[in-house]
Amino acid sequence: MVQARRIAFWPLLVLAALLAGCASLPAPLQQIPSTALSDTGATRLGRATAPAAAAHPGKTGAYALPDGREAFAARYLLAQTAERSLDLQYYIWRSDTSGGLMAQAVLEAADRGVRVRLLLDDVNTGGFDTTLATLEAHPNIEVRLFNPFASRNWRAAAYLTDFSRLNRRMHNKSFTADNQVSVVGGRNIGDEYMGIEVPVEFTDLDVVLAGAVVPEISASFDAYWNSPSAYPAASLLPAASPDEIAAVRSAWDGLRASPLAAAYLATVHEMQLVRNAAAGTVPLEWVPARLVHDDPAKVLHPPERKETHMLPHLEAALGVPQRELILVSPYFVPGKQGAQALVDMAARGVNVTVLTNSLAATDVGPVYAGYVKYRSELLRAGVRLYELKRGSLPMGEQDKPRERHGIGGSTGGSSGASLHAKTFGVDRSRVYVGSLNLDPRSIRLNTEMGVVLESPALAGRLARVVEAEVPANAYELRLAPNGSVVWIERTGAGEITHNRTPETGVMRLLGVGLMMLLPIEWLL
């Protein structure tokens, strides 16, 4: 019976591939370009930020969001406060508690007359078409899907016929209100990012931004919004019926009234950021800032076409490290050139530290297999490697009893935690916060964005977390006398040496071993 079922499966797969292959994207539409609104100085957000911006010409006000609930609160407040426009660009927008609450807040903004432009990568929108069509049906909301699937029902099979195109994704993340305040960083919209208890919670980092860099973020959004890869949702999805629209709105009303959502919103409203925002006293640090991002045309060209890549611009903005380089990346596969660059840097006396996920903490096993190949080389050169323990959250100073302030911290109650922050610090003076992972997919295939802040305060905070708190929450990797890699765990009783990656089952280790035989860098 099992063999018969397997045989019967293959004709279905072939049929699905044929159906997916028959689907085609709509012809490009001749659309009038849409751009960010520039006359928003009289909005509430414009009036709130204008005095400080005038006192710091050419600079950007920044406020770090290491806590998932704060990250939700910042976006939720912006959706509730916006008067003219919301420009939202995301790789993932879940239909869970935080995703539903945020979507309802965006819909309510549109009900108030706010113009909403929602740009989503299409790879994670499966099963979400009716909700997207409901948003698109609103006269003040336009939804576009980046590099979309032509077939809405046979997505997996579409990879068999259109892999080279569908393998290129938009990983950017930004939330901009009234062209006055933005949130950028590593978080998508979903419970695992926003501090709601889930089986695996991501520890991450975003920043709230006001001032000089915000128009740059809006210009980047416009470039993606008007690019040939951004398709109007109306050209891909059937229109939502009145009954479907009513059902989606009713579901969101029910969600907000649910015990989980009500308790979460109550906690969010108690946060210091919310109280400061109400009082107009959010403590922004005003610093020089630079936006770096890939050209949206990156997904239309071979990966070797580097003129559309952001990495050279990021390297220029961060500058050449003289004393210290800290790299926090959940998915770390430096490749031969990247590994050699770190080795050379360490050889000239730069203290290089890398924090990534352990095999137990990572949610993407193939990435760990790609990273394993470079560990020994980096350790021999003097690069310090740390791997986050499963369930550990590297935190910063606990200034307030109910909130934790650090780099990539959270206060959720998940049973497991996985690093998701992408932040790099140079010489305790400059820091990058954004969506870029240090792996071939981010660098060569996907589009990414982020900001470089000339902020000794934030860069110094990152360094202090790495020095004081990461060792307690992560394994330090070292080379044993025989040349093998060992994992050092610090406990109250001293150091414990593990000869293989801890907290990991034999089957997962075996799986990584098998994946190491594949050209992982080309699959990521």
Protein backbone atom coordinates (compact mmCIF):
# COMPACT_ATOMS: atom_id res chain seq x y z
CA MET A 1 0.00 0.00 0.00
CA VAL A 2 2.77 2.44 0.91
CA GLN A 3 4.57 1.74 -2.37
CA ALA A 4 1.33 2.21 -4.33
CA ARG A 5 0.72 5.54 -2.68
CA ARG A 6 4.23 6.67 -3.53
CA ILE A 7 3.73 5.69 -7.15
CA ALA A 8 0.42 7.54 -7.25
CA PHE A 9 2.09 10.63 -5.81
CA TRP A 10 4.38 11.25 -8.77
CA PRO A 11 1.65 11.78 -11.39
CA LEU A 12 0.07 14.34 -9.05
CA LEU A 13 3.40 16.14 -8.69
CA VAL A 14 3.89 16.17 -12.46
CA LEU A 15 0.34 17.43 -12.95
CA ALA A 16 0.87 20.19 -10.37
CA ALA A 17 4.09 21.23 -12.09
CA LEU A 18 2.33 21.36 -15.44
CA LEU A 19 -0.52 23.44 -14.00
CA ALA A 20 1.92 25.80 -12.32
CA GLY A 21 3.94 26.04 -15.50
CA CYS A 22 0.85 26.97 -17.51
CA ALA A 23 0.15 29.95 -15.26
CA SER A 24 1.74 33.23 -16.29
CA LEU A 25 2.13 36.64 -14.73
CA PRO A 26 -0.05 39.45 -16.07
CA ALA A 27 1.45 41.75 -18.65
CA PRO A 28 3.20 44.78 -17.13
CA LEU A 29 0.73 47.59 -16.50
CA GLN A 30 1.32 51.15 -17.58
CA GLN A 31 0.93 52.75 -14.17
CA ILE A 32 1.49 56.30 -13.03
CA PRO A 33 4.42 56.18 -10.60
CA SER A 34 3.41 56.58 -6.98
CA THR A 35 5.74 58.39 -4.59
CA ALA A 36 5.92 59.24 -0.91
CA LEU A 37 4.00 62.30 0.25
CA SER A 38 6.35 65.18 0.96
CA ASP A 39 4.00 67.80 2.42
CA THR A 40 3.54 66.10 5.80
CA GLY A 41 5.24 68.57 8.11
CA ALA A 42 1.92 69.69 9.55
CA THR A 43 0.95 66.19 10.67
CA ARG A 44 1.11 65.23 14.30
CA LEU A 45 4.31 63.24 13.68
CA GLY A 46 5.79 66.12 11.68
CA ARG A 47 5.09 68.61 14.45
CA ALA A 48 6.42 66.24 17.10
CA THR A 49 9.78 65.66 15.39
CA ALA A 50 10.35 69.10 13.82
CA PRO A 51 11.92 70.94 16.81
CA ALA A 52 14.56 68.27 17.48
CA ALA A 53 15.23 67.80 13.76
CA ALA A 54 15.75 71.56 13.37
CA ALA A 55 18.16 71.52 16.31
CA HIS A 56 20.15 68.69 14.67
CA PRO A 57 20.28 69.58 10.95
CA GLY A 58 21.29 66.73 8.69
CA LYS A 59 21.09 64.20 11.50
CA THR A 60 18.76 61.34 12.34
CA GLY A 61 17.02 60.62 15.61
CA ALA A 62 17.34 56.94 16.56
CA TYR A 63 15.82 54.77 19.28
CA ALA A 64 16.74 51.09 19.55
CA LEU A 65 14.02 48.44 19.85
CA PRO A 66 15.56 45.25 21.28
CA ASP A 67 12.31 44.17 22.93
CA GLY A 68 9.70 42.46 20.74
CA ARG A 69 6.77 44.11 22.48
CA GLU A 70 8.37 47.52 22.08
CA ALA A 71 8.89 46.75 18.40
CA PHE A 72 5.19 45.99 18.06
CA ALA A 73 4.23 49.07 20.10
CA ALA A 74 6.30 51.38 17.89
CA ARG A 75 4.63 50.17 14.71
CA TYR A 76 1.16 50.04 16.27
CA LEU A 77 1.50 53.61 17.54
CA LEU A 78 2.64 54.80 14.12
CA ALA A 79 -0.36 53.13 12.47
CA GLN A 80 -2.68 54.76 15.00
CA THR A 81 -1.01 58.19 14.74
CA ALA A 82 -0.54 58.46 10.97
CA GLU A 83 -2.65 61.15 9.31
CA ARG A 84 -1.52 61.14 5.67
CA SER A 85 0.34 57.97 4.70
CA LEU A 86 1.67 54.56 5.68
CA ASP A 87 4.33 52.91 3.50
CA LEU A 88 4.97 49.31 4.61
CA GLN A 89 7.49 46.89 3.10
CA TYR A 90 7.92 43.36 4.47
CA TYR A 91 9.20 39.89 3.69
CA ILE A 92 6.75 38.18 6.08
CA TRP A 93 3.43 39.33 7.53
CA ARG A 94 1.82 36.56 9.57
CA SER A 95 -1.91 36.06 10.03
CA ASP A 96 -1.40 35.38 13.75
CA THR A 97 -2.20 37.53 16.79
CA SER A 98 0.31 40.35 16.25
CA GLY A 99 -0.10 40.20 12.47
CA GLY A 100 -3.88 40.44 12.74
CA LEU A 101 -3.74 43.29 15.25
CA MET A 102 -1.31 45.19 13.03
CA ALA A 103 -3.37 44.58 9.88
CA GLN A 104 -6.49 45.83 11.65
CA ALA A 105 -4.63 48.96 12.79
CA VAL A 106 -3.58 49.59 9.17
CA LEU A 107 -7.15 49.10 7.96
CA GLU A 108 -8.43 51.52 10.62
CA ALA A 109 -5.86 54.07 9.46
CA ALA A 110 -7.23 53.75 5.94
CA ASP A 111 -10.74 54.21 7.35
CA ARG A 112 -9.50 57.56 8.74
CA GLY A 113 -8.36 58.61 5.25
CA VAL A 114 -4.69 57.60 5.47
CA ARG A 115 -3.17 56.47 2.16
CA VAL A 116 -1.68 53.00 2.65
CA ARG A 117 0.84 51.35 0.35
CA LEU A 118 1.62 47.75 1.36
CA LEU A 119 4.45 45.98 -0.46
CA LEU A 120 4.94 42.32 0.46
CA ASP A 121 7.27 39.69 -0.87
CA ASP A 122 5.01 36.99 -2.26
CA VAL A 123 6.87 33.91 -1.05
CA ASN A 124 5.13 33.86 2.36
CA THR A 125 1.60 34.98 1.41
CA GLY A 126 0.17 31.51 0.81
CA GLY A 127 -3.35 31.25 2.20
CA PHE A 128 -3.44 35.02 2.70
CA ASP A 129 -5.02 36.00 -0.64
CA THR A 130 -8.50 36.75 0.72
CA THR A 131 -7.05 39.02 3.40
CA LEU A 132 -4.88 40.81 0.85
CA ALA A 133 -7.88 41.20 -1.45
CA THR A 134 -9.86 42.66 1.47
CA LEU A 135 -7.17 45.26 2.08
CA GLU A 136 -6.86 45.96 -1.66
CA ALA A 137 -10.63 46.55 -1.86
CA HIS A 138 -10.32 49.57 0.43
CA PRO A 139 -10.19 52.81 -1.60
CA ASN A 140 -7.27 54.09 0.49
CA ILE A 141 -5.15 50.93 0.36
CA GLU A 142 -3.07 49.57 -2.48
CA VAL A 143 -1.27 46.24 -2.16
CA ARG A 144 1.59 45.12 -4.38
CA LEU A 145 3.36 41.75 -4.37
CA PHE A 146 7.06 41.53 -5.15
CA ASN A 147 8.21 38.87 -7.60
CA PRO A 148 4.91 37.02 -7.27
CA PHE A 149 3.83 33.48 -8.00
CA ALA A 150 1.77 33.28 -11.17
CA SER A 151 -0.14 30.28 -9.78
CA ARG A 152 -1.82 30.99 -6.45
CA ASN A 153 -2.66 27.32 -5.78
CA TRP A 154 0.42 25.39 -6.90
CA ARG A 155 3.25 27.36 -5.31
CA ALA A 156 5.58 24.49 -4.47
CA ALA A 157 5.26 23.06 -7.95
CA ALA A 158 6.01 26.48 -9.46
CA TYR A 159 9.59 26.16 -8.25
CA LEU A 160 10.04 23.23 -10.62
CA THR A 161 9.26 25.37 -13.65
CA ASP A 162 10.36 28.87 -12.57
CA PHE A 163 13.05 28.32 -9.93
CA SER A 164 15.60 30.88 -11.12
CA ARG A 165 13.08 33.71 -10.78
CA LEU A 166 11.23 32.57 -7.66
CA ASN A 167 14.49 31.96 -5.81
CA ARG A 168 15.08 35.74 -5.73
CA ARG A 169 13.17 37.42 -2.88
CA MET A 170 12.66 40.85 -1.28
CA HIS A 171 13.87 40.59 2.33
CA ASN A 172 13.54 44.34 3.13
CA LYS A 173 11.65 45.51 6.21
CA SER A 174 10.41 49.06 6.80
CA PHE A 175 7.38 50.78 8.34
CA THR A 176 7.07 54.51 7.57
CA ALA A 177 4.33 56.86 8.76
CA ASP A 178 3.66 60.26 7.15
CA ASN A 179 7.19 60.28 5.68
CA GLN A 180 8.27 61.46 9.14
CA VAL A 181 9.08 58.39 11.25
CA SER A 182 10.28 54.93 10.19
CA VAL A 183 11.01 51.60 11.83
CA VAL A 184 13.64 49.42 10.14
CA GLY A 185 15.57 46.38 11.27
CA GLY A 186 15.42 42.62 11.31
CA ARG A 187 11.84 41.95 12.34
CA ASN A 188 9.01 40.77 10.17
CA ILE A 189 5.40 41.07 11.37
CA GLY A 190 4.50 37.99 13.41
CA ASP A 191 4.25 36.60 16.92
CA GLU A 192 7.73 35.08 16.97
CA TYR A 193 9.18 38.55 16.33
CA MET A 194 6.86 40.61 18.54
CA GLY A 195 7.26 39.07 21.98
CA ILE A 196 4.18 36.83 22.03
CA GLU A 197 4.80 33.41 23.56
CA VAL A 198 5.45 30.88 20.81
CA PRO A 199 7.47 27.62 20.66
CA VAL A 200 10.47 29.46 19.19
CA GLU A 201 10.85 33.20 19.67
CA PHE A 202 13.30 35.31 17.70
CA THR A 203 15.61 37.70 19.50
CA ASP A 204 15.94 40.67 17.18
CA LEU A 205 16.69 44.38 16.80
CA ASP A 206 14.95 47.31 15.09
CA VAL A 207 15.38 51.08 15.32
CA VAL A 208 12.87 53.92 15.25
CA LEU A 209 14.17 56.71 13.01
CA ALA A 210 13.20 60.34 12.51
CA GLY A 211 14.88 63.18 10.68
CA ALA A 212 17.28 63.16 7.74
CA VAL A 213 17.30 59.45 6.87
CA VAL A 214 13.51 59.04 6.67
CA PRO A 215 13.14 60.62 3.19
CA GLU A 216 15.89 58.23 2.03
CA ILE A 217 13.87 55.28 3.33
CA SER A 218 10.80 56.63 1.53
CA ALA A 219 12.78 57.01 -1.70
CA SER A 220 13.97 53.40 -1.37
CA PHE A 221 10.37 52.29 -0.84
CA ASP A 222 9.30 54.23 -3.95
CA ALA A 223 12.01 52.51 -6.01
CA TYR A 224 10.73 49.08 -4.99
CA TRP A 225 7.06 50.08 -5.25
CA ASN A 226 7.49 51.33 -8.81
CA SER A 227 9.86 48.55 -9.92
CA PRO A 228 8.85 46.03 -12.61
CA SER A 229 8.92 43.26 -9.98
CA ALA A 230 6.13 44.83 -7.88
CA TYR A 231 2.77 43.65 -9.23
CA PRO A 232 -0.55 45.16 -8.13
CA ALA A 233 -2.41 42.59 -6.05
CA ALA A 234 -5.55 43.40 -8.07
CA SER A 235 -3.86 41.97 -11.17
CA LEU A 236 -3.17 38.66 -9.43
CA LEU A 237 -6.03 38.05 -6.99
CA PRO A 238 -9.78 37.78 -7.47
CA ALA A 239 -11.64 40.70 -5.93
CA ALA A 240 -12.93 40.13 -2.42
CA SER A 241 -16.69 39.81 -2.15
CA PRO A 242 -18.68 41.88 0.37
CA ASP A 243 -19.18 38.74 2.44
CA GLU A 244 -15.43 38.00 2.45
CA ILE A 245 -14.63 41.57 3.46
CA ALA A 246 -17.15 41.41 6.29
CA ALA A 247 -15.76 38.07 7.43
CA VAL A 248 -12.17 39.36 7.55
CA ARG A 249 -13.17 42.47 9.50
CA SER A 250 -15.25 40.35 11.89
CA ALA A 251 -12.33 37.97 12.43
CA TRP A 252 -10.04 40.86 13.33
CA ASP A 253 -12.64 42.23 15.76
CA GLY A 254 -12.85 38.81 17.38
CA LEU A 255 -9.08 38.55 17.53
CA ARG A 256 -8.70 41.88 19.32
CA ALA A 257 -11.31 40.78 21.89
CA SER A 258 -9.59 37.43 22.53
CA PRO A 259 -7.89 36.92 25.92
CA LEU A 260 -4.43 36.54 24.37
CA ALA A 261 -4.68 39.71 22.27
CA ALA A 262 -6.30 41.70 25.08
CA ALA A 263 -3.56 40.69 27.55
CA TYR A 264 -0.84 41.43 24.99
CA LEU A 265 -2.23 44.89 24.18
CA ALA A 266 -2.57 45.66 27.87
CA THR A 267 1.09 44.79 28.39
CA VAL A 268 2.13 46.84 25.37
CA HIS A 269 0.21 49.89 26.60
CA GLU A 270 2.10 49.73 29.91
CA MET A 271 5.51 49.96 28.25
CA GLN A 272 7.72 52.97 28.86
CA LEU A 273 7.98 53.67 25.13
CA VAL A 274 4.20 54.09 24.91
CA ARG A 275 4.15 56.41 27.93
CA ASN A 276 7.04 58.43 26.50
CA ALA A 277 5.32 58.67 23.12
CA ALA A 278 2.15 59.95 24.76
CA ALA A 279 4.18 62.59 26.58
CA GLY A 280 6.27 63.47 23.53
CA THR A 281 9.48 62.47 25.31
CA VAL A 282 10.85 59.50 23.35
CA PRO A 283 14.63 59.77 23.95
CA LEU A 284 15.98 59.86 20.41
CA GLU A 285 19.73 59.98 19.91
CA TRP A 286 20.53 62.38 17.05
CA VAL A 287 23.42 61.07 14.94
CA PRO A 288 24.66 60.97 11.34
CA ALA A 289 22.95 58.10 9.53
CA ARG A 290 23.07 56.53 6.10
CA LEU A 291 20.58 54.21 4.43
CA VAL A 292 22.02 51.30 2.46
CA HIS A 293 19.90 49.05 0.26
CA ASP A 294 20.00 46.83 -2.78
CA ASP A 295 18.61 48.09 -6.05
CA PRO A 296 15.29 46.30 -6.69
CA ALA A 297 16.68 45.33 -10.11
CA LYS A 298 19.05 42.96 -8.28
CA VAL A 299 16.49 40.15 -8.61
CA LEU A 300 16.34 40.62 -12.39
CA HIS A 301 20.07 40.15 -13.00
CA PRO A 302 22.52 37.30 -12.43
CA PRO A 303 24.05 37.33 -8.93
CA GLU A 304 27.43 38.24 -10.44
CA ARG A 305 26.04 41.66 -11.50
CA LYS A 306 27.26 43.45 -8.38
CA GLU A 307 26.40 47.01 -9.45
CA THR A 308 22.95 46.50 -7.93
CA HIS A 309 24.28 45.10 -4.63
CA MET A 310 24.27 47.00 -1.33
CA LEU A 311 27.31 45.27 0.20
CA PRO A 312 29.90 47.71 -1.22
CA HIS A 313 27.82 50.63 0.07
CA LEU A 314 27.56 48.99 3.50
CA GLU A 315 31.31 48.43 3.65
CA ALA A 316 31.92 52.07 2.70
CA ALA A 317 29.45 53.34 5.32
CA LEU A 318 30.91 51.21 8.11
CA GLY A 319 34.50 52.02 7.16
CA VAL A 320 37.59 49.86 7.62
CA PRO A 321 37.74 48.52 11.19
CA GLN A 322 40.88 49.64 13.00
CA ARG A 323 40.40 48.02 16.41
CA GLU A 324 37.19 46.01 16.61
CA LEU A 325 34.53 44.36 14.46
CA ILE A 326 31.43 42.72 15.96
CA LEU A 327 29.17 40.71 13.67
CA VAL A 328 25.77 39.50 14.88
CA SER A 329 24.12 37.36 12.21
CA PRO A 330 21.70 34.47 12.73
CA TYR A 331 22.64 32.93 9.41
CA PHE A 332 26.43 33.20 9.05
CA VAL A 333 28.07 31.66 5.97
CA PRO A 334 30.97 33.98 5.10
CA GLY A 335 32.10 32.13 1.97
CA LYS A 336 35.74 31.89 0.95
CA GLN A 337 36.20 35.60 0.29
CA GLY A 338 34.38 36.68 3.45
CA ALA A 339 36.29 34.23 5.62
CA GLN A 340 39.60 35.39 4.14
CA ALA A 341 38.65 39.03 4.78
CA LEU A 342 38.01 38.24 8.45
CA VAL A 343 41.25 36.27 8.70
CA ASP A 344 43.20 39.19 7.19
CA MET A 345 41.49 41.62 9.54
CA ALA A 346 42.43 39.57 12.58
CA ALA A 347 45.99 39.28 11.29
CA ARG A 348 46.41 43.05 11.39
CA GLY A 349 45.27 43.22 14.99
CA VAL A 350 41.53 43.84 14.73
CA ASN A 351 39.48 42.08 17.41
CA VAL A 352 36.85 40.20 15.39
CA THR A 353 33.85 38.66 17.18
CA VAL A 354 30.98 36.74 15.56
CA LEU A 355 27.72 35.77 17.26
CA THR A 356 25.47 33.35 15.41
CA ASN A 357 23.04 30.54 16.19
CA SER A 358 24.07 27.16 17.52
CA LEU A 359 22.73 24.11 15.73
CA ALA A 360 20.19 23.73 18.54
CA ALA A 361 19.02 27.34 18.20
CA THR A 362 18.96 27.78 14.43
CA ASP A 363 15.71 27.41 12.50
CA VAL A 364 17.57 26.75 9.22
CA GLY A 365 19.81 23.69 9.42
CA PRO A 366 21.35 24.06 5.94
CA VAL A 367 22.80 27.44 6.93
CA TYR A 368 24.60 25.85 9.87
CA ALA A 369 26.03 23.24 7.51
CA GLY A 370 27.39 26.01 5.32
CA TYR A 371 28.90 27.83 8.29
CA VAL A 372 30.64 24.73 9.73
CA LYS A 373 33.13 24.72 6.84
CA TYR A 374 34.72 28.00 7.98
CA ARG A 375 34.87 27.61 11.78
CA SER A 376 38.34 26.10 12.10
CA GLU A 377 39.90 28.58 9.70
CA LEU A 378 38.41 31.54 11.57
CA LEU A 379 39.38 30.20 15.00
CA ARG A 380 42.97 29.56 13.90
CA ALA A 381 43.17 33.20 12.81
CA GLY A 382 42.02 34.43 16.22
CA VAL A 383 38.41 35.27 15.36
CA ARG A 384 36.15 34.78 18.39
CA LEU A 385 33.09 32.68 17.59
CA TYR A 386 30.00 32.44 19.80
CA GLU A 387 26.90 30.33 19.17
CA LEU A 388 23.67 31.28 20.93
CA LYS A 389 22.23 28.58 23.19
CA ARG A 390 18.71 27.42 22.49
CA GLY A 391 16.35 29.33 24.77
CA SER A 392 18.91 31.98 25.71
CA LEU A 393 18.37 35.64 24.95
CA PRO A 394 21.45 37.90 25.05
CA MET A 395 20.18 40.87 27.01
CA GLY A 396 21.38 44.34 27.84
CA GLU A 397 21.11 46.39 30.99
CA GLN A 398 17.88 45.78 32.90
CA ASP A 399 17.12 49.39 33.62
CA LYS A 400 13.46 48.79 34.40
CA PRO A 401 11.85 45.86 36.20
CA ARG A 402 9.43 45.02 33.37
CA GLU A 403 11.63 45.79 30.40
CA ARG A 404 15.00 44.64 29.15
CA HIS A 405 17.17 46.91 27.05
CA GLY A 406 20.00 45.38 25.09
CA ILE A 407 20.91 44.24 21.62
CA GLY A 408 18.41 41.76 20.28
CA GLY A 409 16.62 41.19 23.56
CA SER A 410 13.10 40.11 24.30
CA THR A 411 10.84 39.43 27.20
CA GLY A 412 8.63 36.75 25.76
CA GLY A 413 8.12 33.45 27.47
CA SER A 414 9.00 31.02 24.67
CA SER A 415 10.55 27.68 25.49
CA GLY A 416 13.17 28.23 22.79
CA ALA A 417 14.84 31.29 21.36
CA SER A 418 16.66 31.79 18.10
CA LEU A 419 18.87 34.71 17.13
CA HIS A 420 17.38 36.81 14.30
CA ALA A 421 19.08 40.20 14.77
CA LYS A 422 21.39 41.45 12.03
CA THR A 423 23.68 44.10 13.49
CA PHE A 424 27.37 44.90 13.02
CA GLY A 425 29.54 47.22 15.10
CA VAL A 426 32.82 48.88 14.08
CA ASP A 427 35.31 50.41 16.53
CA ARG A 428 32.52 51.18 19.02
CA SER A 429 31.55 54.15 16.89
CA ARG A 430 29.41 52.89 13.99
CA VAL A 431 26.66 50.30 13.92
CA TYR A 432 24.50 48.70 11.21
CA VAL A 433 20.92 47.59 11.89
CA GLY A 434 18.88 46.01 9.13
CA SER A 435 17.80 42.88 7.26
CA LEU A 436 21.12 41.66 5.81
CA ASN A 437 22.33 38.22 6.88
CA LEU A 438 25.98 37.39 6.31
CA ASP A 439 25.25 34.55 3.94
CA PRO A 440 25.22 34.09 0.15
CA ARG A 441 21.43 34.40 -0.12
CA SER A 442 21.33 37.89 1.39
CA ILE A 443 24.45 39.06 -0.38
CA ARG A 444 23.86 37.57 -3.84
CA LEU A 445 20.19 36.68 -4.31
CA ASN A 446 17.73 38.57 -2.11
CA THR A 447 17.28 42.30 -1.75
CA GLU A 448 18.12 43.84 1.64
CA MET A 449 18.24 47.18 3.44
CA GLY A 450 19.40 48.78 6.67
CA VAL A 451 20.88 51.87 8.27
CA VAL A 452 24.39 52.69 9.44
CA LEU A 453 24.38 54.96 12.49
CA GLU A 454 27.45 56.84 13.68
CA SER A 455 26.43 56.16 17.26
CA PRO A 456 29.10 55.47 19.88
CA ALA A 457 26.26 54.92 22.36
CA LEU A 458 24.58 52.12 20.40
CA ALA A 459 27.83 50.64 19.10
CA GLY A 460 29.24 50.70 22.63
CA ARG A 461 26.11 49.05 23.95
CA LEU A 462 26.52 46.24 21.42
CA ALA A 463 30.14 45.76 22.52
CA ARG A 464 29.19 45.65 26.20
CA VAL A 465 26.53 43.02 25.55
CA VAL A 466 29.07 40.90 23.65
CA GLU A 467 31.61 41.27 26.45
CA ALA A 468 29.37 40.89 29.50
CA GLU A 469 26.26 38.98 28.50
CA VAL A 470 26.85 36.91 25.38
CA PRO A 471 29.34 34.56 27.14
CA ALA A 472 26.61 33.57 29.61
CA ASN A 473 24.03 32.98 26.87
CA ALA A 474 26.18 31.42 24.19
CA TYR A 475 28.84 28.78 23.68
CA GLU A 476 32.34 30.04 22.93
CA LEU A 477 34.06 27.96 20.28
CA ARG A 478 37.73 27.06 20.63
CA LEU A 479 40.22 24.76 18.98
CA ALA A 480 41.35 21.75 21.02
CA PRO A 481 45.03 20.70 20.93
CA ASN A 482 44.16 18.09 18.29
CA GLY A 483 42.65 20.80 16.06
CA SER A 484 39.00 19.87 16.59
CA VAL A 485 36.35 22.42 17.55
CA VAL A 486 35.04 22.36 21.13
CA TRP A 487 32.19 24.31 22.73
CA ILE A 488 32.85 26.09 26.02
CA GLU A 489 29.85 26.64 28.29
CA ARG A 490 30.23 29.04 31.21
CA THR A 491 28.33 28.14 34.37
CA GLY A 492 28.39 29.23 37.98
CA ALA A 493 30.68 26.29 38.70
CA GLY A 494 33.14 27.19 35.94
CA GLU A 495 33.66 26.13 32.33
CA ILE A 496 32.29 22.96 30.77
CA THR A 497 33.85 21.68 27.55
CA HIS A 498 31.64 19.92 24.99
CA ASN A 499 33.22 17.91 22.19
CA ARG A 500 30.20 18.33 19.94
CA THR A 501 27.57 21.00 19.59
CA PRO A 502 25.42 20.74 22.75
CA GLU A 503 21.65 20.29 23.06
CA THR A 504 21.49 18.68 19.62
CA GLY A 505 20.16 15.24 18.77
CA VAL A 506 22.15 12.70 16.79
CA MET A 507 19.74 12.85 13.85
CA ARG A 508 20.14 16.59 13.45
CA LEU A 509 23.91 16.27 13.61
CA LEU A 510 23.71 13.56 10.97
CA GLY A 511 21.51 15.76 8.81
CA VAL A 512 24.00 18.63 8.97
CA GLY A 513 26.80 16.21 8.13
CA LEU A 514 24.95 15.11 5.01
CA MET A 515 24.16 18.70 4.02
CA MET A 516 27.86 19.57 4.26
CA LEU A 517 28.39 17.34 1.23
CA LEU A 518 26.18 19.67 -0.84
CA PRO A 519 27.14 23.09 -2.28
CA ILE A 520 25.11 24.82 0.43
CA GLU A 521 26.26 28.30 -0.57
CA TRP A 522 24.41 27.94 -3.86
CA LEU A 523 21.24 26.65 -2.23
CA LEU A 524 20.79 29.32 0.44
